[in-house]
Amino acid sequence: MSQPAAPKSQTSNLYQWPQNEPRTEIFCDQYARAATGMRGTEQGSRTGTNLGQGLGYIGTRDRKQAEAFGMIGATLGASEGRAQDQEFYSYHFQECRTGGRLVPTPK
């Protein structure tokens, strides 16, 4: 009987920001960018593409037109995702500037 594989540790891919670092604007900008990433923009783009292509094909039954609808959906989805990313950035930046706890971020 084989042993179950141990769960992979996520901490090895994370960087813990120093809590005692002076909270300068540059430091907090770097931290907020790392903490935010571009997940909203990327996810919005993927979702918009999938919805646009799917609904475009259902509506037109034409693969080329469905691809065009997918591009439009990707643009709209990325725009909405970017707005979400900006909100996360503002949150993390303010947390840093006011002395809040800094969360680990991807390396």
PDB file of N, CA and C in Angstrom:
ATOM      1  N   MET A   1       0.842  -1.164   0.000  1.00  0.00           N
ATOM      2  CA  MET A   1       0.000   0.000   0.000  1.00  0.00           C
ATOM      3  C   MET A   1       0.895   1.238   0.000  1.00  0.00           C
ATOM      4  N   SER A   2       0.667   2.129  -0.944  1.00  0.00           N
ATOM      5  CA  SER A   2       1.529   3.304  -1.051  1.00  0.00           C
ATOM      6  C   SER A   2       1.036   4.423  -0.134  1.00  0.00           C
ATOM      7  N   GLN A   3       1.969   5.263   0.248  1.00  0.00           N
ATOM      8  CA  GLN A   3       1.653   6.406   1.103  1.00  0.00           C
ATOM      9  C   GLN A   3       1.075   7.530   0.250  1.00  0.00           C
ATOM     10  N   PRO A   4       0.059   8.251   0.751  1.00  0.00           N
ATOM     11  CA  PRO A   4      -0.461   9.390  -0.013  1.00  0.00           C
ATOM     12  C   PRO A   4       0.601  10.480  -0.103  1.00  0.00           C
ATOM     13  N   ALA A   5       0.609  11.155  -1.223  1.00  0.00           N
ATOM     14  CA  ALA A   5       1.586  12.225  -1.421  1.00  0.00           C
ATOM     15  C   ALA A   5       1.296  13.367  -0.457  1.00  0.00           C
ATOM     16  N   ALA A   6       2.359  13.914   0.089  1.00  0.00           N
ATOM     17  CA  ALA A   6       2.200  15.058   0.999  1.00  0.00           C
ATOM     18  C   ALA A   6       1.764  16.268   0.191  1.00  0.00           C
ATOM     19  N   PRO A   7       0.888  17.087   0.759  1.00  0.00           N
ATOM     20  CA  PRO A   7       0.460  18.278   0.015  1.00  0.00           C
ATOM     21  C   PRO A   7       1.644  19.210  -0.222  1.00  0.00           C
ATOM     22  N   LYS A   8       1.663  19.814  -1.400  1.00  0.00           N
ATOM     23  CA  LYS A   8       2.741  20.737  -1.727  1.00  0.00           C
ATOM     24  C   LYS A   8       2.587  21.997  -0.898  1.00  0.00           C
ATOM     25  N   SER A   9       3.684  22.471  -0.400  1.00  0.00           N
ATOM     26  CA  SER A   9       3.662  23.677   0.415  1.00  0.00           C
ATOM     27  C   SER A   9       3.633  24.909  -0.487  1.00  0.00           C
ATOM     28  N   GLN A  10       2.669  25.777  -0.251  1.00  0.00           N
ATOM     29  CA  GLN A  10       2.567  27.012  -1.016  1.00  0.00           C
ATOM     30  C   GLN A  10       3.562  28.062  -0.520  1.00  0.00           C
ATOM     31  N   THR A  11       4.048  27.887   0.705  1.00  0.00           N
ATOM     32  CA  THR A  11       4.910  28.910   1.285  1.00  0.00           C
ATOM     33  C   THR A  11       6.241  29.026   0.558  1.00  0.00           C
ATOM     34  N   SER A  12       6.691  27.987  -0.120  1.00  0.00           N
ATOM     35  CA  SER A  12       7.975  28.060  -0.805  1.00  0.00           C
ATOM     36  C   SER A  12       7.931  29.020  -1.986  1.00  0.00           C
ATOM     37  N   ASN A  13       6.755  29.319  -2.506  1.00  0.00           N
ATOM     38  CA  ASN A  13       6.623  30.234  -3.634  1.00  0.00           C
ATOM     39  C   ASN A  13       6.237  31.641  -3.195  1.00  0.00           C
ATOM     40  N   LEU A  14       6.244  31.884  -1.901  1.00  0.00           N
ATOM     41  CA  LEU A  14       5.806  33.177  -1.389  1.00  0.00           C
ATOM     42  C   LEU A  14       6.973  33.932  -0.763  1.00  0.00           C
ATOM     43  N   TYR A  15       6.875  35.238  -0.809  1.00  0.00           N
ATOM     44  CA  TYR A  15       7.866  36.111  -0.203  1.00  0.00           C
ATOM     45  C   TYR A  15       7.186  36.883   0.922  1.00  0.00           C
ATOM     46  N   GLN A  16       7.748  36.808   2.121  1.00  0.00           N
ATOM     47  CA  GLN A  16       7.196  37.560   3.248  1.00  0.00           C
ATOM     48  C   GLN A  16       7.907  38.899   3.324  1.00  0.00           C
ATOM     49  N   TRP A  17       7.145  39.961   3.140  1.00  0.00           N
ATOM     50  CA  TRP A  17       7.700  41.308   3.190  1.00  0.00           C
ATOM     51  C   TRP A  17       8.088  41.647   4.618  1.00  0.00           C
ATOM     52  N   PRO A  18       9.213  42.359   4.810  1.00  0.00           N
ATOM     53  CA  PRO A  18       9.632  42.714   6.169  1.00  0.00           C
ATOM     54  C   PRO A  18       8.642  43.688   6.812  1.00  0.00           C
ATOM     55  N   GLN A  19       8.203  43.346   8.015  1.00  0.00           N
ATOM     56  CA  GLN A  19       7.208  44.169   8.704  1.00  0.00           C
ATOM     57  C   GLN A  19       7.811  45.455   9.276  1.00  0.00           C
ATOM     58  N   ASN A  20       9.132  45.453   9.502  1.00  0.00           N
ATOM     59  CA  ASN A  20       9.764  46.615  10.125  1.00  0.00           C
ATOM     60  C   ASN A  20      10.426  47.551   9.110  1.00  0.00           C
ATOM     61  N   GLU A  21      10.194  47.324   7.835  1.00  0.00           N
ATOM     62  CA  GLU A  21      10.746  48.187   6.777  1.00  0.00           C
ATOM     63  C   GLU A  21      10.053  49.553   6.817  1.00  0.00           C
ATOM     64  N   PRO A  22      10.808  50.651   6.632  1.00  0.00           N
ATOM     65  CA  PRO A  22      10.146  51.964   6.557  1.00  0.00           C
ATOM     66  C   PRO A  22       9.122  51.972   5.417  1.00  0.00           C
ATOM     67  N   ARG A  23       7.929  52.442   5.691  1.00  0.00           N
ATOM     68  CA  ARG A  23       6.828  52.387   4.734  1.00  0.00           C
ATOM     69  C   ARG A  23       6.854  53.603   3.798  1.00  0.00           C
ATOM     70  N   THR A  24       7.877  53.645   2.958  1.00  0.00           N
ATOM     71  CA  THR A  24       7.980  54.730   1.982  1.00  0.00           C
ATOM     72  C   THR A  24       6.981  54.502   0.858  1.00  0.00           C
ATOM     73  N   GLU A  25       6.761  55.542   0.078  1.00  0.00           N
ATOM     74  CA  GLU A  25       5.825  55.419  -1.042  1.00  0.00           C
ATOM     75  C   GLU A  25       6.313  54.390  -2.059  1.00  0.00           C
ATOM     76  N   ILE A  26       7.609  54.379  -2.319  1.00  0.00           N
ATOM     77  CA  ILE A  26       8.172  53.417  -3.284  1.00  0.00           C
ATOM     78  C   ILE A  26       8.025  51.992  -2.763  1.00  0.00           C
ATOM     79  N   PHE A  27       8.375  51.770  -1.499  1.00  0.00           N
ATOM     80  CA  PHE A  27       8.251  50.438  -0.908  1.00  0.00           C
ATOM     81  C   PHE A  27       6.803  49.957  -0.967  1.00  0.00           C
ATOM     82  N   CYS A  28       5.857  50.820  -0.580  1.00  0.00           N
ATOM     83  CA  CYS A  28       4.449  50.430  -0.555  1.00  0.00           C
ATOM     84  C   CYS A  28       3.906  50.206  -1.965  1.00  0.00           C
ATOM     85  N   ASP A  29       4.411  50.958  -2.941  1.00  0.00           N
ATOM     86  CA  ASP A  29       4.009  50.735  -4.331  1.00  0.00           C
ATOM     87  C   ASP A  29       4.455  49.353  -4.803  1.00  0.00           C
ATOM     88  N   GLN A  30       5.709  49.006  -4.505  1.00  0.00           N
ATOM     89  CA  GLN A  30       6.213  47.680  -4.901  1.00  0.00           C
ATOM     90  C   GLN A  30       5.422  46.571  -4.213  1.00  0.00           C
ATOM     91  N   TYR A  31       5.144  46.763  -2.937  1.00  0.00           N
ATOM     92  CA  TYR A  31       4.373  45.765  -2.197  1.00  0.00           C
ATOM     93  C   TYR A  31       2.960  45.624  -2.768  1.00  0.00           C
ATOM     94  N   ALA A  32       2.279  46.756  -3.000  1.00  0.00           N
ATOM     95  CA  ALA A  32       0.902  46.712  -3.496  1.00  0.00           C
ATOM     96  C   ALA A  32       0.828  46.075  -4.878  1.00  0.00           C
ATOM     97  N   ARG A  33       1.810  46.358  -5.732  1.00  0.00           N
ATOM     98  CA  ARG A  33       1.833  45.732  -7.068  1.00  0.00           C
ATOM     99  C   ARG A  33       2.004  44.221  -6.952  1.00  0.00           C
ATOM    100  N   ALA A  34       2.891  43.796  -6.061  1.00  0.00           N
ATOM    101  CA  ALA A  34       3.114  42.351  -5.888  1.00  0.00           C
ATOM    102  C   ALA A  34       1.888  41.682  -5.270  1.00  0.00           C
ATOM    103  N   ALA A  35       1.266  42.350  -4.307  1.00  0.00           N
ATOM    104  CA  ALA A  35       0.108  41.760  -3.634  1.00  0.00           C
ATOM    105  C   ALA A  35      -1.102  41.691  -4.557  1.00  0.00           C
ATOM    106  N   THR A  36      -1.214  42.639  -5.465  1.00  0.00           N
ATOM    107  CA  THR A  36      -2.364  42.700  -6.355  1.00  0.00           C
ATOM    108  C   THR A  36      -2.192  41.816  -7.574  1.00  0.00           C
ATOM    109  N   GLY A  37      -1.057  41.899  -8.229  1.00  0.00           N
ATOM    110  CA  GLY A  37      -0.860  41.182  -9.480  1.00  0.00           C
ATOM    111  C   GLY A  37      -1.809  41.706 -10.539  1.00  0.00           C
ATOM    112  N   MET A  38      -2.125  40.863 -11.513  1.00  0.00           N
ATOM    113  CA  MET A  38      -3.074  41.240 -12.568  1.00  0.00           C
ATOM    114  C   MET A  38      -4.131  40.160 -12.710  1.00  0.00           C
ATOM    115  N   ARG A  39      -4.437  39.512 -11.607  1.00  0.00           N
ATOM    116  CA  ARG A  39      -5.378  38.390 -11.671  1.00  0.00           C
ATOM    117  C   ARG A  39      -6.746  38.805 -12.201  1.00  0.00           C
ATOM    118  N   GLY A  40      -7.242  39.955 -11.803  1.00  0.00           N
ATOM    119  CA  GLY A  40      -8.554  40.396 -12.260  1.00  0.00           C
ATOM    120  C   GLY A  40      -8.577  40.642 -13.757  1.00  0.00           C
ATOM    121  N   THR A  41      -7.537  41.290 -14.265  1.00  0.00           N
ATOM    122  CA  THR A  41      -7.460  41.573 -15.696  1.00  0.00           C
ATOM    123  C   THR A  41      -7.392  40.272 -16.493  1.00  0.00           C
ATOM    124  N   GLU A  42      -6.549  39.359 -16.057  1.00  0.00           N
ATOM    125  CA  GLU A  42      -6.386  38.087 -16.766  1.00  0.00           C
ATOM    126  C   GLU A  42      -7.661  37.250 -16.710  1.00  0.00           C
ATOM    127  N   GLN A  43      -8.245  37.140 -15.527  1.00  0.00           N
ATOM    128  CA  GLN A  43      -9.467  36.339 -15.390  1.00  0.00           C
ATOM    129  C   GLN A  43     -10.612  36.970 -16.170  1.00  0.00           C
ATOM    130  N   GLY A  44     -10.731  38.298 -16.113  1.00  0.00           N
ATOM    131  CA  GLY A  44     -11.783  38.981 -16.859  1.00  0.00           C
ATOM    132  C   GLY A  44     -11.649  38.762 -18.347  1.00  0.00           C
ATOM    133  N   SER A  45     -10.422  38.786 -18.826  1.00  0.00           N
ATOM    134  CA  SER A  45     -10.176  38.567 -20.250  1.00  0.00           C
ATOM    135  C   SER A  45     -10.568  37.150 -20.661  1.00  0.00           C
ATOM    136  N   ARG A  46     -10.159  36.161 -19.862  1.00  0.00           N
ATOM    137  CA  ARG A  46     -10.505  34.763 -20.179  1.00  0.00           C
ATOM    138  C   ARG A  46     -12.013  34.547 -20.151  1.00  0.00           C
ATOM    139  N   THR A  47     -12.666  35.074 -19.113  1.00  0.00           N
ATOM    140  CA  THR A  47     -14.110  34.907 -19.000  1.00  0.00           C
ATOM    141  C   THR A  47     -14.829  35.591 -20.149  1.00  0.00           C
ATOM    142  N   GLY A  48     -14.418  36.819 -20.474  1.00  0.00           N
ATOM    143  CA  GLY A  48     -15.025  37.548 -21.590  1.00  0.00           C
ATOM    144  C   GLY A  48     -14.854  36.830 -22.912  1.00  0.00           C
ATOM    145  N   THR A  49     -13.675  36.261 -23.129  1.00  0.00           N
ATOM    146  CA  THR A  49     -13.424  35.508 -24.361  1.00  0.00           C
ATOM    147  C   THR A  49     -14.357  34.311 -24.454  1.00  0.00           C
ATOM    148  N   ASN A  50     -14.424  33.545 -23.374  1.00  0.00           N
ATOM    149  CA  ASN A  50     -15.264  32.344 -23.384  1.00  0.00           C
ATOM    150  C   ASN A  50     -16.737  32.676 -23.588  1.00  0.00           C
ATOM    151  N   LEU A  51     -17.218  33.692 -22.864  1.00  0.00           N
ATOM    152  CA  LEU A  51     -18.617  34.069 -23.015  1.00  0.00           C
ATOM    153  C   LEU A  51     -18.897  34.627 -24.412  1.00  0.00           C
ATOM    154  N   GLY A  52     -18.009  35.501 -24.886  1.00  0.00           N
ATOM    155  CA  GLY A  52     -18.207  36.103 -26.204  1.00  0.00           C
ATOM    156  C   GLY A  52     -18.215  35.066 -27.311  1.00  0.00           C
ATOM    157  N   GLN A  53     -17.268  34.135 -27.258  1.00  0.00           N
ATOM    158  CA  GLN A  53     -17.219  33.095 -28.296  1.00  0.00           C
ATOM    159  C   GLN A  53     -18.433  32.183 -28.203  1.00  0.00           C
ATOM    160  N   GLY A  54     -18.763  31.779 -26.989  1.00  0.00           N
ATOM    161  CA  GLY A  54     -19.890  30.865 -26.830  1.00  0.00           C
ATOM    162  C   GLY A  54     -21.202  31.481 -27.274  1.00  0.00           C
ATOM    163  N   LEU A  55     -21.475  32.673 -26.773  1.00  0.00           N
ATOM    164  CA  LEU A  55     -22.730  33.332 -27.152  1.00  0.00           C
ATOM    165  C   LEU A  55     -22.716  33.766 -28.614  1.00  0.00           C
ATOM    166  N   GLY A  56     -21.540  34.161 -29.103  1.00  0.00           N
ATOM    167  CA  GLY A  56     -21.433  34.543 -30.512  1.00  0.00           C
ATOM    168  C   GLY A  56     -21.722  33.374 -31.439  1.00  0.00           C
ATOM    169  N   TYR A  57     -21.240  32.192 -31.073  1.00  0.00           N
ATOM    170  CA  TYR A  57     -21.496  31.019 -31.910  1.00  0.00           C
ATOM    171  C   TYR A  57     -22.959  30.615 -31.844  1.00  0.00           C
ATOM    172  N   ILE A  58     -23.537  30.677 -30.651  1.00  0.00           N
ATOM    173  CA  ILE A  58     -24.961  30.339 -30.520  1.00  0.00           C
ATOM    174  C   ILE A  58     -25.803  31.283 -31.372  1.00  0.00           C
ATOM    175  N   GLY A  59     -25.457  32.567 -31.341  1.00  0.00           N
ATOM    176  CA  GLY A  59     -26.248  33.563 -32.068  1.00  0.00           C
ATOM    177  C   GLY A  59     -26.043  33.546 -33.561  1.00  0.00           C
ATOM    178  N   THR A  60     -24.829  33.224 -34.012  1.00  0.00           N
ATOM    179  CA  THR A  60     -24.534  33.348 -35.449  1.00  0.00           C
ATOM    180  C   THR A  60     -24.284  32.021 -36.149  1.00  0.00           C
ATOM    181  N   ARG A  61     -23.879  31.009 -35.412  1.00  0.00           N
ATOM    182  CA  ARG A  61     -23.475  29.715 -35.983  1.00  0.00           C
ATOM    183  C   ARG A  61     -22.316  29.880 -36.967  1.00  0.00           C
ATOM    184  N   ASP A  62     -21.523  30.914 -36.732  1.00  0.00           N
ATOM    185  CA  ASP A  62     -20.378  31.199 -37.589  1.00  0.00           C
ATOM    186  C   ASP A  62     -19.143  31.317 -36.695  1.00  0.00           C
ATOM    187  N   ARG A  63     -18.167  30.443 -36.940  1.00  0.00           N
ATOM    188  CA  ARG A  63     -16.978  30.397 -36.085  1.00  0.00           C
ATOM    189  C   ARG A  63     -16.181  31.700 -36.123  1.00  0.00           C
ATOM    190  N   LYS A  64     -16.031  32.300 -37.279  1.00  0.00           N
ATOM    191  CA  LYS A  64     -15.263  33.544 -37.401  1.00  0.00           C
ATOM    192  C   LYS A  64     -15.939  34.690 -36.653  1.00  0.00           C
ATOM    193  N   GLN A  65     -17.251  34.793 -36.785  1.00  0.00           N
ATOM    194  CA  GLN A  65     -17.963  35.841 -36.053  1.00  0.00           C
ATOM    195  C   GLN A  65     -17.910  35.577 -34.547  1.00  0.00           C
ATOM    196  N   ALA A  66     -17.953  34.309 -34.175  1.00  0.00           N
ATOM    197  CA  ALA A  66     -17.852  33.963 -32.760  1.00  0.00           C
ATOM    198  C   ALA A  66     -16.493  34.385 -32.206  1.00  0.00           C
ATOM    199  N   GLU A  67     -15.425  34.219 -32.988  1.00  0.00           N
ATOM    200  CA  GLU A  67     -14.100  34.665 -32.553  1.00  0.00           C
ATOM    201  C   GLU A  67     -14.074  36.177 -32.370  1.00  0.00           C
ATOM    202  N   ALA A  68     -14.729  36.903 -33.248  1.00  0.00           N
ATOM    203  CA  ALA A  68     -14.796  38.358 -33.124  1.00  0.00           C
ATOM    204  C   ALA A  68     -15.542  38.748 -31.849  1.00  0.00           C
ATOM    205  N   PHE A  69     -16.642  38.071 -31.569  1.00  0.00           N
ATOM    206  CA  PHE A  69     -17.364  38.336 -30.329  1.00  0.00           C
ATOM    207  C   PHE A  69     -16.495  37.997 -29.120  1.00  0.00           C
ATOM    208  N   GLY A  70     -15.665  36.971 -29.255  1.00  0.00           N
ATOM    209  CA  GLY A  70     -14.736  36.609 -28.182  1.00  0.00           C
ATOM    210  C   GLY A  70     -13.735  37.711 -27.909  1.00  0.00           C
ATOM    211  N   MET A  71     -13.234  38.351 -28.968  1.00  0.00           N
ATOM    212  CA  MET A  71     -12.293  39.465 -28.785  1.00  0.00           C
ATOM    213  C   MET A  71     -12.964  40.644 -28.094  1.00  0.00           C
ATOM    214  N   ILE A  72     -14.194  40.926 -28.480  1.00  0.00           N
ATOM    215  CA  ILE A  72     -14.932  42.017 -27.831  1.00  0.00           C
ATOM    216  C   ILE A  72     -15.162  41.675 -26.358  1.00  0.00           C
ATOM    217  N   GLY A  73     -15.560  40.435 -26.095  1.00  0.00           N
ATOM    218  CA  GLY A  73     -15.771  39.991 -24.713  1.00  0.00           C
ATOM    219  C   GLY A  73     -14.497  40.063 -23.888  1.00  0.00           C
ATOM    220  N   ALA A  74     -13.360  39.717 -24.501  1.00  0.00           N
ATOM    221  CA  ALA A  74     -12.082  39.777 -23.789  1.00  0.00           C
ATOM    222  C   ALA A  74     -11.749  41.206 -23.400  1.00  0.00           C
ATOM    223  N   THR A  75     -12.000  42.139 -24.308  1.00  0.00           N
ATOM    224  CA  THR A  75     -11.721  43.546 -24.025  1.00  0.00           C
ATOM    225  C   THR A  75     -12.583  44.054 -22.875  1.00  0.00           C
ATOM    226  N   LEU A  76     -13.877  43.749 -22.937  1.00  0.00           N
ATOM    227  CA  LEU A  76     -14.780  44.185 -21.874  1.00  0.00           C
ATOM    228  C   LEU A  76     -14.433  43.522 -20.538  1.00  0.00           C
ATOM    229  N   GLY A  77     -14.145  42.234 -20.577  1.00  0.00           N
ATOM    230  CA  GLY A  77     -13.803  41.510 -19.348  1.00  0.00           C
ATOM    231  C   GLY A  77     -12.510  42.002 -18.730  1.00  0.00           C
ATOM    232  N   ALA A  78     -11.508  42.273 -19.578  1.00  0.00           N
ATOM    233  CA  ALA A  78     -10.234  42.773 -19.064  1.00  0.00           C
ATOM    234  C   ALA A  78     -10.403  44.148 -18.434  1.00  0.00           C
ATOM    235  N   SER A  79     -11.247  44.965 -19.025  1.00  0.00           N
ATOM    236  CA  SER A  79     -11.497  46.297 -18.479  1.00  0.00           C
ATOM    237  C   SER A  79     -12.126  46.210 -17.090  1.00  0.00           C
ATOM    238  N   GLU A  80     -13.107  45.336 -16.946  1.00  0.00           N
ATOM    239  CA  GLU A  80     -13.741  45.157 -15.633  1.00  0.00           C
ATOM    240  C   GLU A  80     -12.756  44.562 -14.626  1.00  0.00           C
ATOM    241  N   GLY A  81     -11.960  43.617 -15.082  1.00  0.00           N
ATOM    242  CA  GLY A  81     -10.958  43.016 -14.198  1.00  0.00           C
ATOM    243  C   GLY A  81      -9.906  44.014 -13.758  1.00  0.00           C
ATOM    244  N   ARG A  82      -9.512  44.912 -14.670  1.00  0.00           N
ATOM    245  CA  ARG A  82      -8.520  45.936 -14.333  1.00  0.00           C
ATOM    246  C   ARG A  82      -9.068  46.861 -13.248  1.00  0.00           C
ATOM    247  N   ALA A  83     -10.329  47.200 -13.320  1.00  0.00           N
ATOM    248  CA  ALA A  83     -10.935  48.044 -12.282  1.00  0.00           C
ATOM    249  C   ALA A  83     -10.855  47.342 -10.923  1.00  0.00           C
ATOM    250  N   GLN A  84     -11.077  46.045 -10.908  1.00  0.00           N
ATOM    251  CA  GLN A  84     -10.973  45.274  -9.662  1.00  0.00           C
ATOM    252  C   GLN A  84      -9.533  45.264  -9.164  1.00  0.00           C
ATOM    253  N   ASP A  85      -8.578  45.079 -10.086  1.00  0.00           N
ATOM    254  CA  ASP A  85      -7.168  45.112  -9.706  1.00  0.00           C
ATOM    255  C   ASP A  85      -6.805  46.455  -9.076  1.00  0.00           C
ATOM    256  N   GLN A  86      -7.319  47.544  -9.633  1.00  0.00           N
ATOM    257  CA  GLN A  86      -7.020  48.881  -9.099  1.00  0.00           C
ATOM    258  C   GLN A  86      -7.553  49.036  -7.678  1.00  0.00           C
ATOM    259  N   GLU A  87      -8.724  48.472  -7.411  1.00  0.00           N
ATOM    260  CA  GLU A  87      -9.267  48.518  -6.048  1.00  0.00           C
ATOM    261  C   GLU A  87      -8.375  47.743  -5.085  1.00  0.00           C
ATOM    262  N   PHE A  88      -7.915  46.567  -5.503  1.00  0.00           N
ATOM    263  CA  PHE A  88      -7.019  45.778  -4.654  1.00  0.00           C
ATOM    264  C   PHE A  88      -5.706  46.518  -4.423  1.00  0.00           C
ATOM    265  N   TYR A  89      -5.169  47.132  -5.482  1.00  0.00           N
ATOM    266  CA  TYR A  89      -3.927  47.888  -5.361  1.00  0.00           C
ATOM    267  C   TYR A  89      -4.103  49.000  -4.329  1.00  0.00           C
ATOM    268  N   SER A  90      -5.175  49.767  -4.432  1.00  0.00           N
ATOM    269  CA  SER A  90      -5.417  50.879  -3.505  1.00  0.00           C
ATOM    270  C   SER A  90      -5.514  50.373  -2.065  1.00  0.00           C
ATOM    271  N   TYR A  91      -6.196  49.260  -1.892  1.00  0.00           N
ATOM    272  CA  TYR A  91      -6.333  48.681  -0.553  1.00  0.00           C
ATOM    273  C   TYR A  91      -4.966  48.320   0.026  1.00  0.00           C
ATOM    274  N   HIS A  92      -4.173  47.543  -0.738  1.00  0.00           N
ATOM    275  CA  HIS A  92      -2.869  47.094  -0.242  1.00  0.00           C
ATOM    276  C   HIS A  92      -1.917  48.272  -0.036  1.00  0.00           C
ATOM    277  N   PHE A  93      -1.966  49.261  -0.912  1.00  0.00           N
ATOM    278  CA  PHE A  93      -1.111  50.432  -0.769  1.00  0.00           C
ATOM    279  C   PHE A  93      -1.440  51.177   0.527  1.00  0.00           C
ATOM    280  N   GLN A  94      -2.720  51.392   0.796  1.00  0.00           N
ATOM    281  CA  GLN A  94      -3.118  52.102   2.013  1.00  0.00           C
ATOM    282  C   GLN A  94      -2.792  51.292   3.270  1.00  0.00           C
ATOM    283  N   GLU A  95      -2.986  49.987   3.214  1.00  0.00           N
ATOM    284  CA  GLU A  95      -2.623  49.136   4.348  1.00  0.00           C
ATOM    285  C   GLU A  95      -1.141  49.270   4.666  1.00  0.00           C
ATOM    286  N   CYS A  96      -0.321  49.294   3.640  1.00  0.00           N
ATOM    287  CA  CYS A  96       1.120  49.431   3.821  1.00  0.00           C
ATOM    288  C   CYS A  96       1.461  50.794   4.408  1.00  0.00           C
ATOM    289  N   ARG A  97       0.918  51.858   3.819  1.00  0.00           N
ATOM    290  CA  ARG A  97       1.249  53.220   4.253  1.00  0.00           C
ATOM    291  C   ARG A  97       0.799  53.493   5.694  1.00  0.00           C
ATOM    292  N   THR A  98      -0.271  52.854   6.138  1.00  0.00           N
ATOM    293  CA  THR A  98      -0.774  53.092   7.491  1.00  0.00           C
ATOM    294  C   THR A  98      -0.189  52.122   8.513  1.00  0.00           C
ATOM    295  N   GLY A  99       0.771  51.296   8.089  1.00  0.00           N
ATOM    296  CA  GLY A  99       1.445  50.400   9.025  1.00  0.00           C
ATOM    297  C   GLY A  99       0.757  49.074   9.240  1.00  0.00           C
ATOM    298  N   GLY A 100      -0.179  48.710   8.359  1.00  0.00           N
ATOM    299  CA  GLY A 100      -0.863  47.424   8.467  1.00  0.00           C
ATOM    300  C   GLY A 100       0.071  46.250   8.209  1.00  0.00           C
ATOM    301  N   ARG A 101      -0.395  45.065   8.536  1.00  0.00           N
ATOM    302  CA  ARG A 101       0.417  43.853   8.322  1.00  0.00           C
ATOM    303  C   ARG A 101       0.545  43.575   6.836  1.00  0.00           C
ATOM    304  N   LEU A 102       1.771  43.269   6.402  1.00  0.00           N
ATOM    305  CA  LEU A 102       2.043  42.963   5.011  1.00  0.00           C
ATOM    306  C   LEU A 102       1.884  41.456   4.795  1.00  0.00           C
ATOM    307  N   VAL A 103       1.103  41.091   3.802  1.00  0.00           N
ATOM    308  CA  VAL A 103       0.856  39.679   3.530  1.00  0.00           C
ATOM    309  C   VAL A 103       1.934  39.120   2.613  1.00  0.00           C
ATOM    310  N   PRO A 104       2.187  37.818   2.674  1.00  0.00           N
ATOM    311  CA  PRO A 104       3.145  37.213   1.744  1.00  0.00           C
ATOM    312  C   PRO A 104       2.618  37.329   0.314  1.00  0.00           C
ATOM    313  N   THR A 105       3.530  37.509  -0.620  1.00  0.00           N
ATOM    314  CA  THR A 105       3.171  37.637  -2.035  1.00  0.00           C
ATOM    315  C   THR A 105       3.995  36.642  -2.852  1.00  0.00           C
ATOM    316  N   PRO A 106       3.543  36.331  -4.075  1.00  0.00           N
ATOM    317  CA  PRO A 106       4.343  35.456  -4.918  1.00  0.00           C
ATOM    318  C   PRO A 106       5.724  36.043  -5.165  1.00  0.00           C
ATOM    319  N   LYS A 107       6.717  35.153  -5.283  1.00  0.00           N
ATOM    320  CA  LYS A 107       8.094  35.611  -5.529  1.00  0.00           C
ATOM    321  C   LYS A 107       8.227  36.165  -6.921  1.00  0.00           C
TER     322      LYS A 107
END
